[in-house]
Amino acid sequence: FCEMNYGVTFPMFAKIDVNGKEADPLYQYLTKEAPGTLGVKAIKWNFTKFLIDRNGNVVDRYAPSTSPSEIKADIEKLI
């Protein structure tokens, strides 16, 4: 899909569940530590972003509409 529609040439992981009972353990952790708007844990759309520090702590969660450039300052604080 990504190769055909977006010209992606880099390696990609297989599709996994990010919500519900079958959610991958990583996403269970991320959504528990950083719930979304109004405390909703579910990931509503692609490109939801999580910022994680060097110790594995979830620092923040960003909406799909948040561009990477908008979180640059937050990333730089952790470096």
N, C-alpha and C. Protein backbone atom coordinates (compact mmCIF):
# COMPACT_ATOMS: atom_id res chain seq x y z
N PHE A 1 0.82 -1.20 0.00
CA PHE A 1 0.00 0.00 0.00
C PHE A 1 0.87 1.26 0.00
N CYS A 2 1.78 1.34 0.94
CA CYS A 2 2.62 2.54 1.04
C CYS A 2 3.56 2.68 -0.15
N GLU A 3 4.07 1.56 -0.63
CA GLU A 3 4.95 1.61 -1.80
C GLU A 3 4.19 2.13 -3.01
N MET A 4 3.00 1.58 -3.23
CA MET A 4 2.22 1.96 -4.41
C MET A 4 1.68 3.38 -4.32
N ASN A 5 1.18 3.77 -3.17
CA ASN A 5 0.51 5.06 -3.04
C ASN A 5 1.42 6.22 -2.68
N TYR A 6 2.52 5.93 -1.99
CA TYR A 6 3.37 7.02 -1.51
C TYR A 6 4.82 6.91 -1.93
N GLY A 7 5.17 5.87 -2.66
CA GLY A 7 6.54 5.71 -3.13
C GLY A 7 7.53 5.38 -2.03
N VAL A 8 7.06 4.78 -0.95
CA VAL A 8 7.93 4.43 0.17
C VAL A 8 8.93 3.38 -0.28
N THR A 9 10.21 3.61 0.03
CA THR A 9 11.25 2.66 -0.34
C THR A 9 12.00 2.11 0.87
N PHE A 10 11.69 2.60 2.06
CA PHE A 10 12.38 2.13 3.27
C PHE A 10 11.64 0.92 3.86
N PRO A 11 12.34 0.10 4.66
CA PRO A 11 11.70 -1.07 5.27
C PRO A 11 10.57 -0.65 6.22
N MET A 12 9.52 -1.44 6.24
CA MET A 12 8.39 -1.15 7.12
C MET A 12 8.06 -2.39 7.94
N PHE A 13 7.53 -2.16 9.14
CA PHE A 13 7.08 -3.26 9.99
C PHE A 13 5.74 -3.78 9.48
N ALA A 14 5.38 -4.96 9.92
CA ALA A 14 4.07 -5.52 9.60
C ALA A 14 2.99 -4.76 10.36
N LYS A 15 1.79 -4.82 9.86
CA LYS A 15 0.65 -4.17 10.50
C LYS A 15 0.35 -4.87 11.83
N ILE A 16 0.06 -4.07 12.87
CA ILE A 16 -0.31 -4.60 14.18
C ILE A 16 -1.53 -3.86 14.70
N ASP A 17 -2.19 -4.44 15.69
CA ASP A 17 -3.31 -3.76 16.35
C ASP A 17 -2.76 -2.77 17.37
N VAL A 18 -3.36 -1.60 17.41
CA VAL A 18 -2.94 -0.58 18.38
C VAL A 18 -4.05 -0.26 19.38
N ASN A 19 -5.22 -0.81 19.18
CA ASN A 19 -6.37 -0.61 20.07
C ASN A 19 -7.01 -1.95 20.39
N GLY A 20 -7.75 -1.98 21.48
CA GLY A 20 -8.54 -3.16 21.82
C GLY A 20 -7.77 -4.25 22.53
N LYS A 21 -8.43 -5.38 22.70
CA LYS A 21 -7.86 -6.51 23.44
C LYS A 21 -6.62 -7.09 22.79
N GLU A 22 -6.53 -6.98 21.49
CA GLU A 22 -5.39 -7.55 20.75
C GLU A 22 -4.29 -6.52 20.49
N ALA A 23 -4.38 -5.36 21.12
CA ALA A 23 -3.36 -4.32 20.89
C ALA A 23 -1.98 -4.83 21.28
N ASP A 24 -1.00 -4.46 20.50
CA ASP A 24 0.38 -4.79 20.79
C ASP A 24 0.75 -4.24 22.17
N PRO A 25 1.53 -4.98 22.96
CA PRO A 25 1.90 -4.51 24.31
C PRO A 25 2.53 -3.12 24.33
N LEU A 26 3.29 -2.77 23.32
CA LEU A 26 3.87 -1.43 23.27
C LEU A 26 2.78 -0.37 23.27
N TYR A 27 1.76 -0.56 22.45
CA TYR A 27 0.69 0.43 22.37
C TYR A 27 -0.22 0.40 23.59
N GLN A 28 -0.34 -0.74 24.23
CA GLN A 28 -1.06 -0.78 25.50
C GLN A 28 -0.35 0.12 26.51
N TYR A 29 0.98 0.03 26.55
CA TYR A 29 1.77 0.86 27.46
C TYR A 29 1.66 2.34 27.09
N LEU A 30 1.85 2.66 25.82
CA LEU A 30 1.83 4.06 25.39
C LEU A 30 0.50 4.73 25.70
N THR A 31 -0.60 4.06 25.39
CA THR A 31 -1.91 4.68 25.61
C THR A 31 -2.28 4.74 27.08
N LYS A 32 -1.75 3.83 27.88
CA LYS A 32 -1.98 3.88 29.33
C LYS A 32 -1.25 5.07 29.94
N GLU A 33 -0.02 5.27 29.51
CA GLU A 33 0.82 6.33 30.06
C GLU A 33 0.46 7.72 29.54
N ALA A 34 -0.06 7.78 28.33
CA ALA A 34 -0.39 9.08 27.73
C ALA A 34 -1.73 8.99 27.01
N PRO A 35 -2.82 9.03 27.78
CA PRO A 35 -4.14 9.01 27.13
C PRO A 35 -4.35 10.26 26.30
N GLY A 36 -5.22 10.16 25.34
CA GLY A 36 -5.50 11.29 24.46
C GLY A 36 -6.47 12.28 25.06
N THR A 37 -7.08 13.05 24.21
CA THR A 37 -8.03 14.08 24.60
C THR A 37 -9.14 13.50 25.48
N LEU A 38 -9.44 14.18 26.55
CA LEU A 38 -10.48 13.79 27.50
C LEU A 38 -10.23 12.42 28.12
N GLY A 39 -8.97 12.01 28.15
CA GLY A 39 -8.61 10.74 28.77
C GLY A 39 -8.87 9.51 27.94
N VAL A 40 -9.26 9.70 26.69
CA VAL A 40 -9.52 8.56 25.80
C VAL A 40 -8.19 7.90 25.45
N LYS A 41 -8.09 6.60 25.69
CA LYS A 41 -6.84 5.90 25.42
C LYS A 41 -6.69 5.49 23.96
N ALA A 42 -7.79 5.22 23.29
CA ALA A 42 -7.74 4.70 21.92
C ALA A 42 -7.02 5.66 20.98
N ILE A 43 -6.27 5.06 20.08
CA ILE A 43 -5.63 5.83 19.02
C ILE A 43 -6.67 5.96 17.92
N LYS A 44 -7.02 7.20 17.62
CA LYS A 44 -8.14 7.45 16.69
C LYS A 44 -7.73 7.42 15.22
N TRP A 45 -6.47 7.74 14.93
CA TRP A 45 -6.09 7.89 13.53
C TRP A 45 -4.60 7.64 13.38
N ASN A 46 -4.18 7.32 12.16
CA ASN A 46 -2.76 7.15 11.87
C ASN A 46 -1.98 8.40 12.24
N PHE A 47 -0.74 8.22 12.48
CA PHE A 47 0.22 9.29 12.74
C PHE A 47 0.08 9.93 14.11
N THR A 48 -0.64 9.29 15.04
CA THR A 48 -0.57 9.72 16.43
C THR A 48 0.88 9.52 16.84
N LYS A 49 1.43 10.50 17.54
CA LYS A 49 2.85 10.46 17.90
C LYS A 49 3.02 10.41 19.41
N PHE A 50 4.03 9.66 19.87
CA PHE A 50 4.37 9.59 21.28
C PHE A 50 5.83 9.99 21.41
N LEU A 51 6.13 10.85 22.38
CA LEU A 51 7.50 11.24 22.67
C LEU A 51 7.95 10.47 23.90
N ILE A 52 9.05 9.76 23.77
CA ILE A 52 9.55 8.89 24.83
C ILE A 52 10.98 9.32 25.17
N ASP A 53 11.27 9.44 26.47
CA ASP A 53 12.62 9.85 26.87
C ASP A 53 13.58 8.66 26.82
N ARG A 54 14.82 8.93 27.12
CA ARG A 54 15.86 7.90 27.00
C ARG A 54 15.69 6.76 28.00
N ASN A 55 14.85 6.96 29.02
CA ASN A 55 14.60 5.92 30.01
C ASN A 55 13.31 5.14 29.73
N GLY A 56 12.67 5.43 28.62
CA GLY A 56 11.46 4.71 28.24
C GLY A 56 10.18 5.29 28.80
N ASN A 57 10.27 6.47 29.42
CA ASN A 57 9.08 7.13 29.95
C ASN A 57 8.36 7.91 28.86
N VAL A 58 7.04 7.80 28.84
CA VAL A 58 6.26 8.55 27.86
C VAL A 58 6.15 9.98 28.34
N VAL A 59 6.66 10.91 27.55
CA VAL A 59 6.67 12.32 27.90
C VAL A 59 5.40 13.02 27.44
N ASP A 60 4.96 12.70 26.22
CA ASP A 60 3.78 13.37 25.68
C ASP A 60 3.20 12.57 24.53
N ARG A 61 2.00 12.94 24.19
CA ARG A 61 1.28 12.34 23.06
C ARG A 61 0.79 13.48 22.20
N TYR A 62 0.89 13.31 20.89
CA TYR A 62 0.53 14.36 19.94
C TYR A 62 -0.50 13.85 18.94
N ALA A 63 -1.39 14.72 18.58
CA ALA A 63 -2.44 14.39 17.62
C ALA A 63 -1.85 14.11 16.24
N PRO A 64 -2.56 13.34 15.42
CA PRO A 64 -2.09 13.07 14.07
C PRO A 64 -1.83 14.35 13.26
N SER A 65 -2.58 15.39 13.56
CA SER A 65 -2.42 16.64 12.81
C SER A 65 -1.20 17.45 13.24
N THR A 66 -0.54 17.06 14.33
CA THR A 66 0.65 17.76 14.80
C THR A 66 1.83 17.37 13.91
N SER A 67 2.47 18.35 13.32
CA SER A 67 3.61 18.05 12.44
C SER A 67 4.86 17.82 13.29
N PRO A 68 5.80 17.03 12.77
CA PRO A 68 7.04 16.82 13.50
C PRO A 68 7.76 18.12 13.86
N SER A 69 7.68 19.11 12.99
CA SER A 69 8.35 20.39 13.28
C SER A 69 7.73 21.08 14.50
N GLU A 70 6.47 20.81 14.78
CA GLU A 70 5.81 21.41 15.93
C GLU A 70 6.28 20.82 17.26
N ILE A 71 6.86 19.64 17.23
CA ILE A 71 7.33 19.03 18.47
C ILE A 71 8.86 19.06 18.59
N LYS A 72 9.49 19.76 17.68
CA LYS A 72 10.95 19.84 17.66
C LYS A 72 11.50 20.34 18.99
N ALA A 73 10.92 21.39 19.55
CA ALA A 73 11.42 21.95 20.81
C ALA A 73 11.29 20.93 21.95
N ASP A 74 10.21 20.17 21.96
CA ASP A 74 10.02 19.15 23.00
C ASP A 74 11.09 18.06 22.88
N ILE A 75 11.40 17.69 21.66
CA ILE A 75 12.44 16.68 21.42
C ILE A 75 13.79 17.21 21.86
N GLU A 76 14.09 18.44 21.50
CA GLU A 76 15.39 19.02 21.84
C GLU A 76 15.59 19.12 23.35
N LYS A 77 14.53 19.33 24.11
CA LYS A 77 14.64 19.38 25.58
C LYS A 77 15.13 18.05 26.15
N LEU A 78 14.83 16.98 25.46
CA LEU A 78 15.19 15.65 25.95
C LEU A 78 16.58 15.19 25.51
N ILE A 79 17.17 15.90 24.59
CA ILE A 79 18.48 15.49 24.07
C ILE A 79 19.58 15.97 25.01
